[in-house]
Amino acid sequence: MMEMKRIGCHFALDDFGSGLSSFAYLKDLPVDMVKIDGAFIRNIANNQIDHAMVKSICDIVGKMGKQTTAEYVESAEALTILKAIGVDFVQGHHLGRPVPLEQFSCARDSQDNRVVSLFR
C-alpha cells in the first residue's frame, strides 16, 4: 500500500465499524478515507447510539487527518444529521439511485469545485 500511495493512489477502508474493521486498523493501515458502515447510518435519525457511534468515528478519523464517507444515506433527515456531525462525503439512494455507467458523467460544481454527478 505504501508503494502505491507513493505513486498517487488513495485508499478507503470500507464498511468501517462492522465485522473485522476496528480503530486498530486505522493506526496500522495507510488509508485516506473511512467509509462508515451503513448499519450505523440507516437509523441515525432515530437511534442515539448510532448517532454517538458515527460522531465518535468521525471525530477520531478527523483527528487522524483522514476523511469520512457515510454509506446508506436514505433520507434528508439523515443527511442533515451527518452534515452536522461533520462527515465529509455521503452516498445513498436519497442522493441518487444507481445507474448504468453509460448514463453517468462528471462535472465540476463551479461554486465549491467539488465533483458532482449529473444524470442524463
N, C-alpha and C. Protein backbone atom coordinates (compact mmCIF):
# COMPACT_ATOMS: atom_id res chain seq x y z
N MET A 1 0.82 -1.19 0.00
CA MET A 1 0.00 0.00 0.00
C MET A 1 0.87 1.25 0.00
N MET A 2 1.96 1.23 0.74
CA MET A 2 2.82 2.41 0.79
C MET A 2 3.42 2.72 -0.57
N GLU A 3 3.82 1.70 -1.31
CA GLU A 3 4.37 1.93 -2.64
C GLU A 3 3.31 2.52 -3.56
N MET A 4 2.09 2.02 -3.47
CA MET A 4 1.01 2.55 -4.31
C MET A 4 0.67 3.99 -3.91
N LYS A 5 0.73 4.31 -2.63
CA LYS A 5 0.49 5.68 -2.20
C LYS A 5 1.56 6.61 -2.75
N ARG A 6 2.81 6.12 -2.81
CA ARG A 6 3.90 6.95 -3.35
C ARG A 6 3.67 7.32 -4.81
N ILE A 7 2.95 6.47 -5.54
CA ILE A 7 2.69 6.80 -6.95
C ILE A 7 1.33 7.49 -7.14
N GLY A 8 0.68 7.85 -6.01
CA GLY A 8 -0.52 8.66 -6.10
C GLY A 8 -1.84 7.98 -5.83
N CYS A 9 -1.83 6.71 -5.46
CA CYS A 9 -3.09 6.02 -5.16
C CYS A 9 -3.60 6.41 -3.78
N HIS A 10 -4.90 6.38 -3.63
CA HIS A 10 -5.55 6.65 -2.35
C HIS A 10 -6.35 5.41 -1.96
N PHE A 11 -6.53 5.22 -0.65
CA PHE A 11 -7.22 4.04 -0.15
C PHE A 11 -8.35 4.41 0.80
N ALA A 12 -9.43 3.65 0.72
CA ALA A 12 -10.55 3.80 1.64
C ALA A 12 -10.77 2.48 2.36
N LEU A 13 -11.05 2.56 3.65
CA LEU A 13 -11.38 1.39 4.45
C LEU A 13 -12.90 1.29 4.45
N ASP A 14 -13.44 0.32 3.75
CA ASP A 14 -14.88 0.18 3.54
C ASP A 14 -15.56 -0.51 4.72
N ASP A 15 -16.84 -0.20 4.93
CA ASP A 15 -17.68 -0.83 5.95
C ASP A 15 -17.09 -0.73 7.35
N PHE A 16 -16.51 0.43 7.67
CA PHE A 16 -15.88 0.59 8.97
C PHE A 16 -16.92 0.47 10.08
N GLY A 17 -16.56 -0.26 11.12
CA GLY A 17 -17.42 -0.44 12.28
C GLY A 17 -18.12 -1.78 12.31
N SER A 18 -18.07 -2.52 11.21
CA SER A 18 -18.72 -3.83 11.19
C SER A 18 -17.67 -4.90 10.95
N GLY A 19 -18.01 -6.11 11.27
CA GLY A 19 -17.11 -7.23 11.00
C GLY A 19 -15.77 -7.07 11.70
N LEU A 20 -14.71 -7.18 10.92
CA LEU A 20 -13.36 -7.16 11.49
C LEU A 20 -12.71 -5.78 11.51
N SER A 21 -13.37 -4.78 10.95
CA SER A 21 -12.76 -3.45 10.94
C SER A 21 -12.86 -2.81 12.33
N SER A 22 -11.78 -2.13 12.73
CA SER A 22 -11.75 -1.51 14.04
C SER A 22 -10.79 -0.33 14.01
N PHE A 23 -10.76 0.41 15.12
CA PHE A 23 -9.85 1.55 15.20
C PHE A 23 -8.39 1.12 15.11
N ALA A 24 -8.09 -0.13 15.49
CA ALA A 24 -6.71 -0.61 15.38
C ALA A 24 -6.23 -0.57 13.93
N TYR A 25 -7.11 -0.87 12.98
CA TYR A 25 -6.75 -0.81 11.57
C TYR A 25 -6.34 0.60 11.17
N LEU A 26 -7.03 1.59 11.72
CA LEU A 26 -6.73 2.97 11.35
C LEU A 26 -5.33 3.38 11.75
N LYS A 27 -4.83 2.81 12.86
CA LYS A 27 -3.48 3.13 13.30
C LYS A 27 -2.43 2.45 12.43
N ASP A 28 -2.78 1.30 11.85
CA ASP A 28 -1.79 0.49 11.15
C ASP A 28 -1.86 0.59 9.63
N LEU A 29 -3.03 0.86 9.08
CA LEU A 29 -3.17 0.90 7.63
C LEU A 29 -3.09 2.33 7.11
N PRO A 30 -2.38 2.55 6.03
CA PRO A 30 -2.25 3.91 5.48
C PRO A 30 -3.44 4.29 4.61
N VAL A 31 -4.63 4.28 5.19
CA VAL A 31 -5.83 4.63 4.43
C VAL A 31 -6.06 6.14 4.49
N ASP A 32 -6.73 6.66 3.47
CA ASP A 32 -7.02 8.08 3.39
C ASP A 32 -8.45 8.40 3.81
N MET A 33 -9.31 7.40 3.69
CA MET A 33 -10.73 7.61 3.94
C MET A 33 -11.32 6.39 4.65
N VAL A 34 -12.30 6.67 5.50
CA VAL A 34 -13.04 5.61 6.19
C VAL A 34 -14.49 5.72 5.76
N LYS A 35 -15.02 4.62 5.21
CA LYS A 35 -16.43 4.57 4.84
C LYS A 35 -17.19 3.92 5.99
N ILE A 36 -18.03 4.72 6.64
CA ILE A 36 -18.76 4.25 7.81
C ILE A 36 -19.87 3.31 7.36
N ASP A 37 -19.91 2.14 7.97
CA ASP A 37 -20.88 1.11 7.59
C ASP A 37 -22.31 1.62 7.66
N GLY A 38 -23.10 1.27 6.68
CA GLY A 38 -24.49 1.69 6.59
C GLY A 38 -25.36 1.25 7.76
N ALA A 39 -24.94 0.22 8.48
CA ALA A 39 -25.71 -0.23 9.64
C ALA A 39 -25.82 0.87 10.69
N PHE A 40 -24.85 1.77 10.76
CA PHE A 40 -24.89 2.88 11.72
C PHE A 40 -25.65 4.08 11.16
N ILE A 41 -25.74 4.17 9.85
CA ILE A 41 -26.36 5.31 9.20
C ILE A 41 -27.88 5.11 9.06
N ARG A 42 -28.26 3.88 8.80
CA ARG A 42 -29.66 3.54 8.49
C ARG A 42 -30.66 4.14 9.47
N ASN A 43 -30.37 4.09 10.77
CA ASN A 43 -31.31 4.58 11.79
C ASN A 43 -30.76 5.76 12.58
N ILE A 44 -29.82 6.49 12.01
CA ILE A 44 -29.15 7.55 12.76
C ILE A 44 -30.11 8.62 13.27
N ALA A 45 -31.21 8.85 12.56
CA ALA A 45 -32.17 9.87 12.98
C ALA A 45 -33.01 9.42 14.18
N ASN A 46 -33.08 8.12 14.43
CA ASN A 46 -33.94 7.60 15.49
C ASN A 46 -33.20 6.84 16.58
N ASN A 47 -31.89 6.72 16.47
CA ASN A 47 -31.14 5.90 17.41
C ASN A 47 -29.94 6.69 17.94
N GLN A 48 -30.01 7.03 19.23
CA GLN A 48 -28.94 7.83 19.84
C GLN A 48 -27.60 7.11 19.86
N ILE A 49 -27.61 5.80 19.96
CA ILE A 49 -26.35 5.04 19.97
C ILE A 49 -25.69 5.11 18.59
N ASP A 50 -26.47 4.91 17.53
CA ASP A 50 -25.92 5.04 16.17
C ASP A 50 -25.35 6.44 15.96
N HIS A 51 -26.09 7.45 16.41
CA HIS A 51 -25.63 8.83 16.28
C HIS A 51 -24.30 9.02 17.00
N ALA A 52 -24.21 8.55 18.23
CA ALA A 52 -22.99 8.70 19.03
C ALA A 52 -21.82 7.93 18.39
N MET A 53 -22.09 6.75 17.86
CA MET A 53 -21.02 5.96 17.25
C MET A 53 -20.49 6.64 15.99
N VAL A 54 -21.39 7.15 15.15
CA VAL A 54 -20.95 7.84 13.93
C VAL A 54 -20.17 9.09 14.30
N LYS A 55 -20.63 9.83 15.29
CA LYS A 55 -19.91 11.03 15.72
C LYS A 55 -18.53 10.68 16.23
N SER A 56 -18.42 9.62 17.03
CA SER A 56 -17.10 9.26 17.56
C SER A 56 -16.16 8.78 16.45
N ILE A 57 -16.69 8.01 15.51
CA ILE A 57 -15.87 7.59 14.36
C ILE A 57 -15.38 8.81 13.60
N CYS A 58 -16.28 9.73 13.33
CA CYS A 58 -15.94 10.94 12.58
C CYS A 58 -14.90 11.78 13.32
N ASP A 59 -15.07 11.93 14.62
CA ASP A 59 -14.12 12.71 15.41
C ASP A 59 -12.73 12.10 15.41
N ILE A 60 -12.63 10.80 15.63
CA ILE A 60 -11.33 10.13 15.69
C ILE A 60 -10.66 10.13 14.32
N VAL A 61 -11.44 9.80 13.29
CA VAL A 61 -10.89 9.77 11.94
C VAL A 61 -10.39 11.15 11.53
N GLY A 62 -11.14 12.20 11.89
CA GLY A 62 -10.72 13.56 11.58
C GLY A 62 -9.44 13.94 12.29
N LYS A 63 -9.29 13.54 13.55
CA LYS A 63 -8.06 13.83 14.29
C LYS A 63 -6.85 13.12 13.67
N MET A 64 -7.10 12.03 12.96
CA MET A 64 -6.03 11.30 12.30
C MET A 64 -5.72 11.86 10.92
N GLY A 65 -6.43 12.90 10.51
CA GLY A 65 -6.20 13.52 9.22
C GLY A 65 -6.80 12.76 8.05
N LYS A 66 -7.79 11.93 8.34
CA LYS A 66 -8.44 11.14 7.29
C LYS A 66 -9.85 11.68 7.05
N GLN A 67 -10.46 11.30 5.95
CA GLN A 67 -11.81 11.73 5.63
C GLN A 67 -12.80 10.60 5.88
N THR A 68 -14.09 10.99 5.97
CA THR A 68 -15.15 10.01 6.20
C THR A 68 -16.19 10.07 5.09
N THR A 69 -16.76 8.90 4.81
CA THR A 69 -17.90 8.78 3.92
C THR A 69 -18.96 7.97 4.65
N ALA A 70 -20.19 8.45 4.62
CA ALA A 70 -21.31 7.71 5.21
C ALA A 70 -22.05 6.99 4.10
N GLU A 71 -22.20 5.68 4.24
CA GLU A 71 -22.95 4.87 3.30
C GLU A 71 -24.41 4.85 3.72
N TYR A 72 -25.30 4.53 2.77
CA TYR A 72 -26.71 4.24 3.05
C TYR A 72 -27.49 5.46 3.53
N VAL A 73 -27.23 6.62 2.94
CA VAL A 73 -27.99 7.83 3.29
C VAL A 73 -29.31 7.76 2.53
N GLU A 74 -30.40 7.55 3.25
CA GLU A 74 -31.70 7.30 2.63
C GLU A 74 -32.73 8.39 2.88
N SER A 75 -32.37 9.44 3.64
CA SER A 75 -33.36 10.48 3.94
C SER A 75 -32.67 11.82 4.11
N ALA A 76 -33.47 12.87 3.94
CA ALA A 76 -32.98 14.24 4.14
C ALA A 76 -32.58 14.44 5.60
N GLU A 77 -33.33 13.82 6.52
CA GLU A 77 -33.02 13.94 7.94
C GLU A 77 -31.65 13.35 8.26
N ALA A 78 -31.36 12.17 7.71
CA ALA A 78 -30.04 11.57 7.92
C ALA A 78 -28.94 12.45 7.34
N LEU A 79 -29.19 13.01 6.16
CA LEU A 79 -28.20 13.88 5.52
C LEU A 79 -27.92 15.10 6.39
N THR A 80 -28.95 15.70 6.95
CA THR A 80 -28.78 16.87 7.83
C THR A 80 -27.96 16.51 9.06
N ILE A 81 -28.24 15.37 9.67
CA ILE A 81 -27.50 14.93 10.85
C ILE A 81 -26.04 14.69 10.51
N LEU A 82 -25.79 14.00 9.40
CA LEU A 82 -24.41 13.69 9.01
C LEU A 82 -23.62 14.95 8.71
N LYS A 83 -24.28 15.93 8.10
CA LYS A 83 -23.62 17.20 7.83
C LYS A 83 -23.24 17.88 9.15
N ALA A 84 -24.16 17.87 10.13
CA ALA A 84 -23.91 18.49 11.43
C ALA A 84 -22.78 17.78 12.19
N ILE A 85 -22.71 16.47 12.05
CA ILE A 85 -21.66 15.69 12.71
C ILE A 85 -20.29 16.00 12.10
N GLY A 86 -20.28 16.31 10.81
CA GLY A 86 -19.02 16.62 10.15
C GLY A 86 -18.51 15.56 9.20
N VAL A 87 -19.39 14.65 8.77
CA VAL A 87 -19.00 13.64 7.78
C VAL A 87 -18.62 14.36 6.49
N ASP A 88 -17.55 13.92 5.84
CA ASP A 88 -17.04 14.60 4.65
C ASP A 88 -17.83 14.31 3.38
N PHE A 89 -18.21 13.05 3.17
CA PHE A 89 -18.90 12.63 1.96
C PHE A 89 -20.03 11.69 2.34
N VAL A 90 -21.05 11.62 1.48
CA VAL A 90 -22.17 10.71 1.70
C VAL A 90 -22.52 10.01 0.40
N GLN A 91 -23.15 8.86 0.53
CA GLN A 91 -23.67 8.14 -0.62
C GLN A 91 -24.93 7.42 -0.19
N GLY A 92 -25.86 7.28 -1.12
CA GLY A 92 -27.10 6.57 -0.80
C GLY A 92 -28.22 6.99 -1.72
N HIS A 93 -29.33 6.28 -1.62
CA HIS A 93 -30.46 6.49 -2.51
C HIS A 93 -31.11 7.85 -2.35
N HIS A 94 -30.95 8.49 -1.20
CA HIS A 94 -31.51 9.84 -1.05
C HIS A 94 -30.87 10.79 -2.06
N LEU A 95 -29.63 10.55 -2.38
CA LEU A 95 -28.88 11.41 -3.29
C LEU A 95 -29.02 10.99 -4.75
N GLY A 96 -29.33 9.73 -4.98
CA GLY A 96 -29.47 9.24 -6.33
C GLY A 96 -29.41 7.73 -6.37
N ARG A 97 -30.17 7.17 -7.26
CA ARG A 97 -30.19 5.71 -7.44
C ARG A 97 -29.04 5.30 -8.36
N PRO A 98 -28.56 4.08 -8.21
CA PRO A 98 -27.52 3.59 -9.12
C PRO A 98 -28.04 3.61 -10.57
N VAL A 99 -27.16 3.96 -11.48
CA VAL A 99 -27.49 3.98 -12.90
C VAL A 99 -26.38 3.31 -13.68
N PRO A 100 -26.67 2.83 -14.87
CA PRO A 100 -25.61 2.26 -15.72
C PRO A 100 -24.53 3.31 -15.98
N LEU A 101 -23.31 2.89 -16.09
CA LEU A 101 -22.19 3.79 -16.30
C LEU A 101 -22.40 4.69 -17.51
N GLU A 102 -23.06 4.19 -18.53
CA GLU A 102 -23.28 4.97 -19.74
C GLU A 102 -24.14 6.21 -19.48
N GLN A 103 -24.93 6.19 -18.40
CA GLN A 103 -25.81 7.32 -18.08
C GLN A 103 -25.18 8.27 -17.08
N PHE A 104 -23.96 8.06 -16.71
CA PHE A 104 -23.30 8.83 -15.67
C PHE A 104 -22.20 9.68 -16.28
N SER A 105 -22.11 10.92 -15.84
CA SER A 105 -20.99 11.78 -16.25
C SER A 105 -20.60 12.63 -15.06
N CYS A 106 -19.43 13.24 -15.10
CA CYS A 106 -18.95 14.08 -14.01
C CYS A 106 -18.72 15.49 -14.52
N ALA A 107 -18.91 16.43 -13.63
CA ALA A 107 -18.63 17.82 -13.93
C ALA A 107 -18.23 18.51 -12.64
N ARG A 108 -17.53 19.60 -12.75
CA ARG A 108 -17.14 20.37 -11.56
C ARG A 108 -18.25 21.34 -11.21
N ASP A 109 -18.59 21.40 -9.92
CA ASP A 109 -19.54 22.39 -9.44
C ASP A 109 -18.77 23.70 -9.33
N SER A 110 -19.19 24.72 -10.03
CA SER A 110 -18.43 25.97 -10.08
C SER A 110 -18.41 26.70 -8.74
N GLN A 111 -19.35 26.42 -7.84
CA GLN A 111 -19.39 27.12 -6.56
C GLN A 111 -18.38 26.60 -5.56
N ASP A 112 -18.21 25.29 -5.48
CA ASP A 112 -17.28 24.77 -4.46
C ASP A 112 -16.19 23.88 -5.04
N ASN A 113 -16.12 23.74 -6.35
CA ASN A 113 -15.08 23.00 -7.05
C ASN A 113 -15.06 21.52 -6.71
N ARG A 114 -16.15 20.98 -6.19
CA ARG A 114 -16.24 19.54 -5.95
C ARG A 114 -16.82 18.88 -7.19
N VAL A 115 -16.52 17.60 -7.34
CA VAL A 115 -17.09 16.85 -8.44
C VAL A 115 -18.53 16.49 -8.07
N VAL A 116 -19.44 16.71 -8.99
CA VAL A 116 -20.84 16.34 -8.76
C VAL A 116 -21.26 15.42 -9.88
N SER A 117 -22.23 14.56 -9.60
CA SER A 117 -22.71 13.66 -10.63
C SER A 117 -23.91 14.26 -11.33
N LEU A 118 -23.98 14.05 -12.61
CA LEU A 118 -25.08 14.57 -13.41
C LEU A 118 -25.71 13.40 -14.15
N PHE A 119 -27.03 13.32 -14.12
CA PHE A 119 -27.72 12.23 -14.80
C PHE A 119 -28.42 12.76 -16.03
N ARG A 120 -28.27 12.05 -17.13
CA ARG A 120 -28.88 12.46 -18.40
C ARG A 120 -30.32 12.07 -18.45
